[in-house]
Amino acid sequence: MLTAISIIIVIICGLLALVVLAQNPKGGGLAAGFTGAQQIGGVQRTADFLEKGTWTLAASLMVLCLVSAGIQTSESNVVEDFETIDATADPATAEPAAGETPAEVPAE
């Protein structure tokens, strides 16, 4: 499930980059090629389509990233992955790992 969401996120990122590059900050861009009023769609409709596409792709990217983060935290338990507790081991007799200083045990 996480792999599929990651693939969809990459595809949306590519589409978002293409849509943004098709726009021109001065109002031209892809819409500048349609100069005649008789063109199907016209300049204004093309610019509106690109703007709506940008907002839709950006919103869907944000939602998918949040869903992906939610799935990652619920599927993996960090404490279980990195920390194993041995209930039978006595911490007073355990030898320290290489490079560690032994913990001081209070005298009874």
PDB file of N, CA and C in Angstrom:
ATOM      1  N   MET A   1       0.829  -1.189   0.000  1.00  0.00           N
ATOM      2  CA  MET A   1       0.000   0.000   0.000  1.00  0.00           C
ATOM      3  C   MET A   1       0.873   1.252   0.000  1.00  0.00           C
ATOM      4  N   LEU A   2       1.916   1.225   0.819  1.00  0.00           N
ATOM      5  CA  LEU A   2       2.808   2.376   0.908  1.00  0.00           C
ATOM      6  C   LEU A   2       3.573   2.588  -0.398  1.00  0.00           C
ATOM      7  N   THR A   3       3.933   1.505  -1.067  1.00  0.00           N
ATOM      8  CA  THR A   3       4.640   1.618  -2.343  1.00  0.00           C
ATOM      9  C   THR A   3       3.747   2.245  -3.405  1.00  0.00           C
ATOM     10  N   ALA A   4       2.488   1.863  -3.436  1.00  0.00           N
ATOM     11  CA  ALA A   4       1.555   2.426  -4.416  1.00  0.00           C
ATOM     12  C   ALA A   4       1.360   3.921  -4.183  1.00  0.00           C
ATOM     13  N   ILE A   5       1.244   4.320  -2.929  1.00  0.00           N
ATOM     14  CA  ILE A   5       1.081   5.743  -2.621  1.00  0.00           C
ATOM     15  C   ILE A   5       2.343   6.509  -3.012  1.00  0.00           C
ATOM     16  N   SER A   6       3.500   5.917  -2.782  1.00  0.00           N
ATOM     17  CA  SER A   6       4.755   6.576  -3.152  1.00  0.00           C
ATOM     18  C   SER A   6       4.864   6.769  -4.663  1.00  0.00           C
ATOM     19  N   ILE A   7       4.446   5.783  -5.427  1.00  0.00           N
ATOM     20  CA  ILE A   7       4.466   5.890  -6.891  1.00  0.00           C
ATOM     21  C   ILE A   7       3.509   6.976  -7.363  1.00  0.00           C
ATOM     22  N   ILE A   8       2.321   7.035  -6.766  1.00  0.00           N
ATOM     23  CA  ILE A   8       1.348   8.067  -7.127  1.00  0.00           C
ATOM     24  C   ILE A   8       1.893   9.455  -6.786  1.00  0.00           C
ATOM     25  N   ILE A   9       2.582   9.579  -5.657  1.00  0.00           N
ATOM     26  CA  ILE A   9       3.178  10.864  -5.264  1.00  0.00           C
ATOM     27  C   ILE A   9       4.214  11.307  -6.288  1.00  0.00           C
ATOM     28  N   VAL A  10       5.045  10.394  -6.764  1.00  0.00           N
ATOM     29  CA  VAL A  10       6.065  10.738  -7.758  1.00  0.00           C
ATOM     30  C   VAL A  10       5.409  11.171  -9.071  1.00  0.00           C
ATOM     31  N   ILE A  11       4.353  10.482  -9.485  1.00  0.00           N
ATOM     32  CA  ILE A  11       3.643  10.844 -10.717  1.00  0.00           C
ATOM     33  C   ILE A  11       3.022  12.235 -10.582  1.00  0.00           C
ATOM     34  N   ILE A  12       2.392  12.507  -9.437  1.00  0.00           N
ATOM     35  CA  ILE A  12       1.779  13.824  -9.223  1.00  0.00           C
ATOM     36  C   ILE A  12       2.846  14.917  -9.210  1.00  0.00           C
ATOM     37  N   CYS A  13       4.006  14.635  -8.630  1.00  0.00           N
ATOM     38  CA  CYS A  13       5.094  15.623  -8.631  1.00  0.00           C
ATOM     39  C   CYS A  13       5.526  15.956 -10.061  1.00  0.00           C
ATOM     40  N   GLY A  14       5.638  14.946 -10.902  1.00  0.00           N
ATOM     41  CA  GLY A  14       6.007  15.183 -12.301  1.00  0.00           C
ATOM     42  C   GLY A  14       4.959  15.992 -13.043  1.00  0.00           C
ATOM     43  N   LEU A  15       3.688  15.640 -12.840  1.00  0.00           N
ATOM     44  CA  LEU A  15       2.609  16.395 -13.484  1.00  0.00           C
ATOM     45  C   LEU A  15       2.555  17.830 -12.992  1.00  0.00           C
ATOM     46  N   LEU A  16       2.760  18.016 -11.702  1.00  0.00           N
ATOM     47  CA  LEU A  16       2.747  19.364 -11.137  1.00  0.00           C
ATOM     48  C   LEU A  16       3.881  20.206 -11.724  1.00  0.00           C
ATOM     49  N   ALA A  17       5.039  19.616 -11.890  1.00  0.00           N
ATOM     50  CA  ALA A  17       6.157  20.341 -12.493  1.00  0.00           C
ATOM     51  C   ALA A  17       5.833  20.743 -13.924  1.00  0.00           C
ATOM     52  N   LEU A  18       5.231  19.842 -14.689  1.00  0.00           N
ATOM     53  CA  LEU A  18       4.866  20.166 -16.077  1.00  0.00           C
ATOM     54  C   LEU A  18       3.820  21.274 -16.148  1.00  0.00           C
ATOM     55  N   VAL A  19       2.827  21.216 -15.279  1.00  0.00           N
ATOM     56  CA  VAL A  19       1.770  22.232 -15.294  1.00  0.00           C
ATOM     57  C   VAL A  19       2.337  23.587 -14.900  1.00  0.00           C
ATOM     58  N   VAL A  20       3.214  23.613 -13.911  1.00  0.00           N
ATOM     59  CA  VAL A  20       3.803  24.883 -13.490  1.00  0.00           C
ATOM     60  C   VAL A  20       4.701  25.452 -14.588  1.00  0.00           C
ATOM     61  N   LEU A  21       5.465  24.588 -15.249  1.00  0.00           N
ATOM     62  CA  LEU A  21       6.334  25.069 -16.321  1.00  0.00           C
ATOM     63  C   LEU A  21       5.548  25.546 -17.537  1.00  0.00           C
ATOM     64  N   ALA A  22       4.344  25.044 -17.735  1.00  0.00           N
ATOM     65  CA  ALA A  22       3.516  25.476 -18.864  1.00  0.00           C
ATOM     66  C   ALA A  22       2.962  26.874 -18.644  1.00  0.00           C
ATOM     67  N   GLN A  23       2.973  27.335 -17.412  1.00  0.00           N
ATOM     68  CA  GLN A  23       2.451  28.668 -17.111  1.00  0.00           C
ATOM     69  C   GLN A  23       3.554  29.707 -17.243  1.00  0.00           C
ATOM     70  N   ASN A  24       3.135  30.935 -17.489  1.00  0.00           N
ATOM     71  CA  ASN A  24       4.062  32.051 -17.563  1.00  0.00           C
ATOM     72  C   ASN A  24       3.670  33.046 -16.481  1.00  0.00           C
ATOM     73  N   PRO A  25       4.597  33.510 -15.666  1.00  0.00           N
ATOM     74  CA  PRO A  25       4.227  34.417 -14.577  1.00  0.00           C
ATOM     75  C   PRO A  25       3.647  35.747 -15.062  1.00  0.00           C
ATOM     76  N   LYS A  26       3.873  36.089 -16.320  1.00  0.00           N
ATOM     77  CA  LYS A  26       3.347  37.347 -16.856  1.00  0.00           C
ATOM     78  C   LYS A  26       2.006  37.164 -17.538  1.00  0.00           C
ATOM     79  N   GLY A  27       1.432  35.983 -17.435  1.00  0.00           N
ATOM     80  CA  GLY A  27       0.109  35.754 -18.013  1.00  0.00           C
ATOM     81  C   GLY A  27       0.148  35.116 -19.382  1.00  0.00           C
ATOM     82  N   GLY A  28       1.314  34.798 -19.894  1.00  0.00           N
ATOM     83  CA  GLY A  28       1.424  34.185 -21.215  1.00  0.00           C
ATOM     84  C   GLY A  28       1.411  32.679 -21.097  1.00  0.00           C
ATOM     85  N   GLY A  29       2.551  32.072 -21.220  1.00  0.00           N
ATOM     86  CA  GLY A  29       2.684  30.625 -21.094  1.00  0.00           C
ATOM     87  C   GLY A  29       2.011  29.889 -22.226  1.00  0.00           C
ATOM     88  N   LEU A  30       1.412  28.777 -21.928  1.00  0.00           N
ATOM     89  CA  LEU A  30       0.733  27.974 -22.923  1.00  0.00           C
ATOM     90  C   LEU A  30      -0.450  28.726 -23.512  1.00  0.00           C
ATOM     91  N   ALA A  31      -1.068  29.579 -22.722  1.00  0.00           N
ATOM     92  CA  ALA A  31      -2.230  30.330 -23.177  1.00  0.00           C
ATOM     93  C   ALA A  31      -1.860  31.405 -24.191  1.00  0.00           C
ATOM     94  N   ALA A  32      -0.601  31.809 -24.285  1.00  0.00           N
ATOM     95  CA  ALA A  32      -0.193  32.873 -25.202  1.00  0.00           C
ATOM     96  C   ALA A  32      -0.302  32.433 -26.663  1.00  0.00           C
ATOM     97  N   GLY A  33      -0.265  31.148 -26.916  1.00  0.00           N
ATOM     98  CA  GLY A  33      -0.373  30.661 -28.287  1.00  0.00           C
ATOM     99  C   GLY A  33      -1.763  30.800 -28.866  1.00  0.00           C
ATOM    100  N   PHE A  34      -2.761  30.958 -28.047  1.00  0.00           N
ATOM    101  CA  PHE A  34      -4.143  31.080 -28.513  1.00  0.00           C
ATOM    102  C   PHE A  34      -4.519  32.558 -28.575  1.00  0.00           C
ATOM    103  N   THR A  35      -4.287  33.162 -29.720  1.00  0.00           N
ATOM    104  CA  THR A  35      -4.534  34.591 -29.831  1.00  0.00           C
ATOM    105  C   THR A  35      -5.899  34.907 -30.414  1.00  0.00           C
ATOM    106  N   GLY A  36      -6.457  34.031 -31.208  1.00  0.00           N
ATOM    107  CA  GLY A  36      -7.746  34.302 -31.835  1.00  0.00           C
ATOM    108  C   GLY A  36      -8.896  34.067 -30.883  1.00  0.00           C
ATOM    109  N   ALA A  37      -9.929  34.879 -31.000  1.00  0.00           N
ATOM    110  CA  ALA A  37     -11.102  34.728 -30.139  1.00  0.00           C
ATOM    111  C   ALA A  37     -11.924  33.516 -30.539  1.00  0.00           C
ATOM    112  N   GLN A  38     -11.707  33.009 -31.748  1.00  0.00           N
ATOM    113  CA  GLN A  38     -12.489  31.886 -32.250  1.00  0.00           C
ATOM    114  C   GLN A  38     -11.902  30.534 -31.849  1.00  0.00           C
ATOM    115  N   GLN A  39     -10.781  30.526 -31.179  1.00  0.00           N
ATOM    116  CA  GLN A  39     -10.140  29.278 -30.780  1.00  0.00           C
ATOM    117  C   GLN A  39     -11.009  28.539 -29.763  1.00  0.00           C
ATOM    118  N   ILE A  40     -10.972  27.228 -29.830  1.00  0.00           N
ATOM    119  CA  ILE A  40     -11.735  26.428 -28.876  1.00  0.00           C
ATOM    120  C   ILE A  40     -11.076  26.554 -27.512  1.00  0.00           C
ATOM    121  N   GLY A  41     -11.832  26.942 -26.529  1.00  0.00           N
ATOM    122  CA  GLY A  41     -11.295  27.127 -25.180  1.00  0.00           C
ATOM    123  C   GLY A  41     -10.860  28.555 -24.952  1.00  0.00           C
ATOM    124  N   GLY A  42     -10.104  29.108 -25.844  1.00  0.00           N
ATOM    125  CA  GLY A  42      -9.651  30.482 -25.702  1.00  0.00           C
ATOM    126  C   GLY A  42      -8.530  30.619 -24.694  1.00  0.00           C
ATOM    127  N   VAL A  43      -7.980  31.829 -24.609  1.00  0.00           N
ATOM    128  CA  VAL A  43      -6.855  32.096 -23.726  1.00  0.00           C
ATOM    129  C   VAL A  43      -7.267  32.000 -22.269  1.00  0.00           C
ATOM    130  N   GLN A  44      -8.378  32.587 -21.923  1.00  0.00           N
ATOM    131  CA  GLN A  44      -8.794  32.622 -20.525  1.00  0.00           C
ATOM    132  C   GLN A  44      -9.096  31.230 -20.002  1.00  0.00           C
ATOM    133  N   ARG A  45      -9.745  30.415 -20.817  1.00  0.00           N
ATOM    134  CA  ARG A  45     -10.069  29.058 -20.362  1.00  0.00           C
ATOM    135  C   ARG A  45      -8.821  28.213 -20.173  1.00  0.00           C
ATOM    136  N   THR A  46      -7.830  28.402 -21.030  1.00  0.00           N
ATOM    137  CA  THR A  46      -6.593  27.641 -20.881  1.00  0.00           C
ATOM    138  C   THR A  46      -5.871  28.046 -19.602  1.00  0.00           C
ATOM    139  N   ALA A  47      -5.825  29.339 -19.345  1.00  0.00           N
ATOM    140  CA  ALA A  47      -5.172  29.813 -18.121  1.00  0.00           C
ATOM    141  C   ALA A  47      -5.929  29.328 -16.886  1.00  0.00           C
ATOM    142  N   ASP A  48      -7.251  29.351 -16.929  1.00  0.00           N
ATOM    143  CA  ASP A  48      -8.042  28.852 -15.800  1.00  0.00           C
ATOM    144  C   ASP A  48      -7.816  27.359 -15.584  1.00  0.00           C
ATOM    145  N   PHE A  49      -7.743  26.601 -16.672  1.00  0.00           N
ATOM    146  CA  PHE A  49      -7.515  25.160 -16.565  1.00  0.00           C
ATOM    147  C   PHE A  49      -6.162  24.866 -15.922  1.00  0.00           C
ATOM    148  N   LEU A  50      -5.132  25.592 -16.364  1.00  0.00           N
ATOM    149  CA  LEU A  50      -3.800  25.377 -15.790  1.00  0.00           C
ATOM    150  C   LEU A  50      -3.761  25.765 -14.315  1.00  0.00           C
ATOM    151  N   GLU A  51      -4.446  26.848 -13.957  1.00  0.00           N
ATOM    152  CA  GLU A  51      -4.461  27.266 -12.556  1.00  0.00           C
ATOM    153  C   GLU A  51      -5.220  26.264 -11.688  1.00  0.00           C
ATOM    154  N   LYS A  52      -6.365  25.805 -12.163  1.00  0.00           N
ATOM    155  CA  LYS A  52      -7.129  24.801 -11.399  1.00  0.00           C
ATOM    156  C   LYS A  52      -6.369  23.487 -11.310  1.00  0.00           C
ATOM    157  N   GLY A  53      -5.673  23.138 -12.382  1.00  0.00           N
ATOM    158  CA  GLY A  53      -4.866  21.919 -12.365  1.00  0.00           C
ATOM    159  C   GLY A  53      -3.735  22.003 -11.360  1.00  0.00           C
ATOM    160  N   THR A  54      -3.123  23.178 -11.276  1.00  0.00           N
ATOM    161  CA  THR A  54      -2.032  23.379 -10.313  1.00  0.00           C
ATOM    162  C   THR A  54      -2.535  23.221  -8.887  1.00  0.00           C
ATOM    163  N   TRP A  55      -3.656  23.870  -8.582  1.00  0.00           N
ATOM    164  CA  TRP A  55      -4.201  23.782  -7.220  1.00  0.00           C
ATOM    165  C   TRP A  55      -4.667  22.365  -6.892  1.00  0.00           C
ATOM    166  N   THR A  56      -5.264  21.694  -7.852  1.00  0.00           N
ATOM    167  CA  THR A  56      -5.742  20.323  -7.615  1.00  0.00           C
ATOM    168  C   THR A  56      -4.573  19.374  -7.368  1.00  0.00           C
ATOM    169  N   LEU A  57      -3.549  19.471  -8.208  1.00  0.00           N
ATOM    170  CA  LEU A  57      -2.384  18.598  -8.030  1.00  0.00           C
ATOM    171  C   LEU A  57      -1.656  18.891  -6.721  1.00  0.00           C
ATOM    172  N   ALA A  58      -1.540  20.171  -6.361  1.00  0.00           N
ATOM    173  CA  ALA A  58      -0.861  20.525  -5.108  1.00  0.00           C
ATOM    174  C   ALA A  58      -1.642  20.012  -3.898  1.00  0.00           C
ATOM    175  N   ALA A  59      -2.967  20.145  -3.935  1.00  0.00           N
ATOM    176  CA  ALA A  59      -3.786  19.665  -2.818  1.00  0.00           C
ATOM    177  C   ALA A  59      -3.731  18.146  -2.705  1.00  0.00           C
ATOM    178  N   SER A  60      -3.792  17.457  -3.843  1.00  0.00           N
ATOM    179  CA  SER A  60      -3.737  15.997  -3.797  1.00  0.00           C
ATOM    180  C   SER A  60      -2.361  15.513  -3.341  1.00  0.00           C
ATOM    181  N   LEU A  61      -1.307  16.237  -3.712  1.00  0.00           N
ATOM    182  CA  LEU A  61       0.034  15.884  -3.247  1.00  0.00           C
ATOM    183  C   LEU A  61       0.137  16.019  -1.733  1.00  0.00           C
ATOM    184  N   MET A  62      -0.412  17.091  -1.199  1.00  0.00           N
ATOM    185  CA  MET A  62      -0.372  17.304   0.247  1.00  0.00           C
ATOM    186  C   MET A  62      -1.149  16.209   0.984  1.00  0.00           C
ATOM    187  N   VAL A  63      -2.330  15.878   0.486  1.00  0.00           N
ATOM    188  CA  VAL A  63      -3.149  14.846   1.129  1.00  0.00           C
ATOM    189  C   VAL A  63      -2.445  13.493   1.086  1.00  0.00           C
ATOM    190  N   LEU A  64      -1.876  13.143  -0.067  1.00  0.00           N
ATOM    191  CA  LEU A  64      -1.189  11.855  -0.176  1.00  0.00           C
ATOM    192  C   LEU A  64       0.051  11.789   0.713  1.00  0.00           C
ATOM    193  N   CYS A  65       0.744  12.884   0.871  1.00  0.00           N
ATOM    194  CA  CYS A  65       1.904  12.899   1.775  1.00  0.00           C
ATOM    195  C   CYS A  65       1.473  12.698   3.222  1.00  0.00           C
ATOM    196  N   LEU A  66       0.362  13.320   3.615  1.00  0.00           N
ATOM    197  CA  LEU A  66      -0.142  13.123   4.978  1.00  0.00           C
ATOM    198  C   LEU A  66      -0.614  11.686   5.193  1.00  0.00           C
ATOM    199  N   VAL A  67      -1.291  11.118   4.196  1.00  0.00           N
ATOM    200  CA  VAL A  67      -1.745   9.726   4.302  1.00  0.00           C
ATOM    201  C   VAL A  67      -0.538   8.793   4.397  1.00  0.00           C
ATOM    202  N   SER A  68       0.470   9.057   3.581  1.00  0.00           N
ATOM    203  CA  SER A  68       1.678   8.233   3.609  1.00  0.00           C
ATOM    204  C   SER A  68       2.362   8.295   4.969  1.00  0.00           C
ATOM    205  N   ALA A  69       2.451   9.482   5.542  1.00  0.00           N
ATOM    206  CA  ALA A  69       3.064   9.620   6.861  1.00  0.00           C
ATOM    207  C   ALA A  69       2.239   8.901   7.921  1.00  0.00           C
ATOM    208  N   GLY A  70       0.925   8.958   7.816  1.00  0.00           N
ATOM    209  CA  GLY A  70       0.066   8.263   8.768  1.00  0.00           C
ATOM    210  C   GLY A  70       0.202   6.760   8.680  1.00  0.00           C
ATOM    211  N   ILE A  71       0.323   6.249   7.472  1.00  0.00           N
ATOM    212  CA  ILE A  71       0.476   4.806   7.287  1.00  0.00           C
ATOM    213  C   ILE A  71       1.829   4.343   7.827  1.00  0.00           C
ATOM    214  N   GLN A  72       2.868   5.123   7.600  1.00  0.00           N
ATOM    215  CA  GLN A  72       4.203   4.742   8.069  1.00  0.00           C
ATOM    216  C   GLN A  72       4.257   4.641   9.582  1.00  0.00           C
ATOM    217  N   THR A  73       3.653   5.592  10.293  1.00  0.00           N
ATOM    218  CA  THR A  73       3.735   5.559  11.753  1.00  0.00           C
ATOM    219  C   THR A  73       2.867   4.468  12.336  1.00  0.00           C
ATOM    220  N   SER A  74       1.784   4.118  11.678  1.00  0.00           N
ATOM    221  CA  SER A  74       0.922   3.084  12.235  1.00  0.00           C
ATOM    222  C   SER A  74       1.434   1.682  11.922  1.00  0.00           C
ATOM    223  N   GLU A  75       2.162   1.504  10.831  1.00  0.00           N
ATOM    224  CA  GLU A  75       2.645   0.174  10.461  1.00  0.00           C
ATOM    225  C   GLU A  75       3.915  -0.226  11.184  1.00  0.00           C
ATOM    226  N   SER A  76       4.740   0.734  11.544  1.00  0.00           N
ATOM    227  CA  SER A  76       6.002   0.380  12.194  1.00  0.00           C
ATOM    228  C   SER A  76       6.033   0.966  13.592  1.00  0.00           C
ATOM    229  N   ASN A  77       6.377   0.139  14.521  1.00  0.00           N
ATOM    230  CA  ASN A  77       6.496   0.581  15.904  1.00  0.00           C
ATOM    231  C   ASN A  77       7.977   0.742  16.196  1.00  0.00           C
ATOM    232  N   VAL A  78       8.412   1.964  16.370  1.00  0.00           N
ATOM    233  CA  VAL A  78       9.834   2.256  16.512  1.00  0.00           C
ATOM    234  C   VAL A  78      10.422   1.596  17.745  1.00  0.00           C
ATOM    235  N   VAL A  79       9.676   1.550  18.819  1.00  0.00           N
ATOM    236  CA  VAL A  79      10.193   0.959  20.052  1.00  0.00           C
ATOM    237  C   VAL A  79      10.473  -0.518  19.840  1.00  0.00           C
ATOM    238  N   GLU A  80       9.608  -1.237  19.164  1.00  0.00           N
ATOM    239  CA  GLU A  80       9.826  -2.656  18.932  1.00  0.00           C
ATOM    240  C   GLU A  80      10.961  -2.894  17.949  1.00  0.00           C
ATOM    241  N   ASP A  81      11.151  -2.007  16.994  1.00  0.00           N
ATOM    242  CA  ASP A  81      12.192  -2.200  15.993  1.00  0.00           C
ATOM    243  C   ASP A  81      13.592  -2.013  16.567  1.00  0.00           C
ATOM    244  N   PHE A  82      13.783  -1.029  17.434  1.00  0.00           N
ATOM    245  CA  PHE A  82      15.114  -0.672  17.875  1.00  0.00           C
ATOM    246  C   PHE A  82      15.445  -1.103  19.298  1.00  0.00           C
ATOM    247  N   GLU A  83      14.476  -1.509  20.051  1.00  0.00           N
ATOM    248  CA  GLU A  83      14.726  -1.789  21.453  1.00  0.00           C
ATOM    249  C   GLU A  83      14.080  -3.119  21.827  1.00  0.00           C
ATOM    250  N   THR A  84      14.887  -4.071  22.177  1.00  0.00           N
ATOM    251  CA  THR A  84      14.348  -5.339  22.649  1.00  0.00           C
ATOM    252  C   THR A  84      14.710  -5.476  24.114  1.00  0.00           C
ATOM    253  N   ILE A  85      13.747  -5.845  24.891  1.00  0.00           N
ATOM    254  CA  ILE A  85      13.952  -5.953  26.331  1.00  0.00           C
ATOM    255  C   ILE A  85      13.956  -7.435  26.696  1.00  0.00           C
ATOM    256  N   ASP A  86      15.021  -7.848  27.342  1.00  0.00           N
ATOM    257  CA  ASP A  86      15.134  -9.223  27.795  1.00  0.00           C
ATOM    258  C   ASP A  86      14.793  -9.245  29.281  1.00  0.00           C
ATOM    259  N   ALA A  87      13.651  -9.827  29.616  1.00  0.00           N
ATOM    260  CA  ALA A  87      13.168  -9.810  30.998  1.00  0.00           C
ATOM    261  C   ALA A  87      13.998 -10.713  31.904  1.00  0.00           C
ATOM    262  N   THR A  88      14.719 -11.685  31.326  1.00  0.00           N
ATOM    263  CA  THR A  88      15.477 -12.617  32.159  1.00  0.00           C
ATOM    264  C   THR A  88      16.874 -12.110  32.474  1.00  0.00           C
ATOM    265  N   ALA A  89      17.343 -11.095  31.796  1.00  0.00           N
ATOM    266  CA  ALA A  89      18.713 -10.604  32.015  1.00  0.00           C
ATOM    267  C   ALA A  89      18.767  -9.753  33.274  1.00  0.00           C
ATOM    268  N   ASP A  90      19.847  -9.883  34.003  1.00  0.00           N
ATOM    269  CA  ASP A  90      20.072  -9.081  35.200  1.00  0.00           C
ATOM    270  C   ASP A  90      20.971  -7.913  34.807  1.00  0.00           C
ATOM    271  N   PRO A  91      20.488  -6.668  34.892  1.00  0.00           N
ATOM    272  CA  PRO A  91      21.295  -5.534  34.444  1.00  0.00           C
ATOM    273  C   PRO A  91      22.568  -5.342  35.267  1.00  0.00           C
ATOM    274  N   ALA A  92      22.620  -5.849  36.508  1.00  0.00           N
ATOM    275  CA  ALA A  92      23.814  -5.668  37.334  1.00  0.00           C
ATOM    276  C   ALA A  92      24.960  -6.544  36.857  1.00  0.00           C
ATOM    277  N   THR A  93      24.649  -7.694  36.250  1.00  0.00           N
ATOM    278  CA  THR A  93      25.704  -8.606  35.814  1.00  0.00           C
ATOM    279  C   THR A  93      26.000  -8.479  34.327  1.00  0.00           C
ATOM    280  N   ALA A  94      25.242  -7.685  33.616  1.00  0.00           N
ATOM    281  CA  ALA A  94      25.450  -7.546  32.177  1.00  0.00           C
ATOM    282  C   ALA A  94      26.750  -6.793  31.914  1.00  0.00           C
ATOM    283  N   GLU A  95      27.489  -7.260  30.917  1.00  0.00           N
ATOM    284  CA  GLU A  95      28.741  -6.614  30.556  1.00  0.00           C
ATOM    285  C   GLU A  95      28.449  -5.473  29.576  1.00  0.00           C
ATOM    286  N   PRO A  96      29.171  -4.356  29.727  1.00  0.00           N
ATOM    287  CA  PRO A  96      28.934  -3.242  28.808  1.00  0.00           C
ATOM    288  C   PRO A  96      29.446  -3.559  27.409  1.00  0.00           C
ATOM    289  N   ALA A  97      28.831  -2.941  26.426  1.00  0.00           N
ATOM    290  CA  ALA A  97      29.264  -3.132  25.044  1.00  0.00           C
ATOM    291  C   ALA A  97      30.581  -2.405  24.828  1.00  0.00           C
ATOM    292  N   ALA A  98      31.236  -2.685  23.709  1.00  0.00           N
ATOM    293  CA  ALA A  98      32.533  -2.071  23.409  1.00  0.00           C
ATOM    294  C   ALA A  98      32.376  -0.563  23.322  1.00  0.00           C
ATOM    295  N   GLY A  99      33.241   0.142  24.004  1.00  0.00           N
ATOM    296  CA  GLY A  99      33.201   1.593  23.966  1.00  0.00           C
ATOM    297  C   GLY A  99      32.333   2.217  25.046  1.00  0.00           C
ATOM    298  N   GLU A 100      31.575   1.427  25.761  1.00  0.00           N
ATOM    299  CA  GLU A 100      30.715   1.957  26.818  1.00  0.00           C
ATOM    300  C   GLU A 100      31.419   1.819  28.164  1.00  0.00           C
ATOM    301  N   THR A 101      31.132   2.713  29.050  1.00  0.00           N
ATOM    302  CA  THR A 101      31.663   2.607  30.412  1.00  0.00           C
ATOM    303  C   THR A 101      30.637   1.861  31.244  1.00  0.00           C
ATOM    304  N   PRO A 102      31.086   1.045  32.161  1.00  0.00           N
ATOM    305  CA  PRO A 102      30.116   0.299  32.964  1.00  0.00           C
ATOM    306  C   PRO A 102      29.333   1.241  33.879  1.00  0.00           C
ATOM    307  N   ALA A 103      28.075   0.932  34.041  1.00  0.00           N
ATOM    308  CA  ALA A 103      27.218   1.732  34.902  1.00  0.00           C
ATOM    309  C   ALA A 103      27.545   1.421  36.345  1.00  0.00           C
ATOM    310  N   GLU A 104      27.520   2.454  37.154  1.00  0.00           N
ATOM    311  CA  GLU A 104      27.799   2.234  38.570  1.00  0.00           C
ATOM    312  C   GLU A 104      26.566   1.680  39.247  1.00  0.00           C
ATOM    313  N   VAL A 105      26.783   0.603  39.999  1.00  0.00           N
ATOM    314  CA  VAL A 105      25.698  -0.025  40.727  1.00  0.00           C
ATOM    315  C   VAL A 105      25.798   0.436  42.178  1.00  0.00           C
ATOM    316  N   PRO A 106      24.737   0.981  42.739  1.00  0.00           N
ATOM    317  CA  PRO A 106      24.813   1.450  44.125  1.00  0.00           C
ATOM    318  C   PRO A 106      25.004   0.274  45.080  1.00  0.00           C
ATOM    319  N   ALA A 107      25.839   0.461  46.081  1.00  0.00           N
ATOM    320  CA  ALA A 107      26.083  -0.578  47.085  1.00  0.00           C
ATOM    321  C   ALA A 107      24.910  -0.670  48.031  1.00  0.00           C
ATOM    322  N   GLU A 108      24.614  -1.897  48.396  1.00  0.00           N
ATOM    323  CA  GLU A 108      23.471  -2.115  49.293  1.00  0.00           C
ATOM    324  C   GLU A 108      23.910  -2.239  50.704  1.00  0.00           C
TER     325      GLU A 108
END
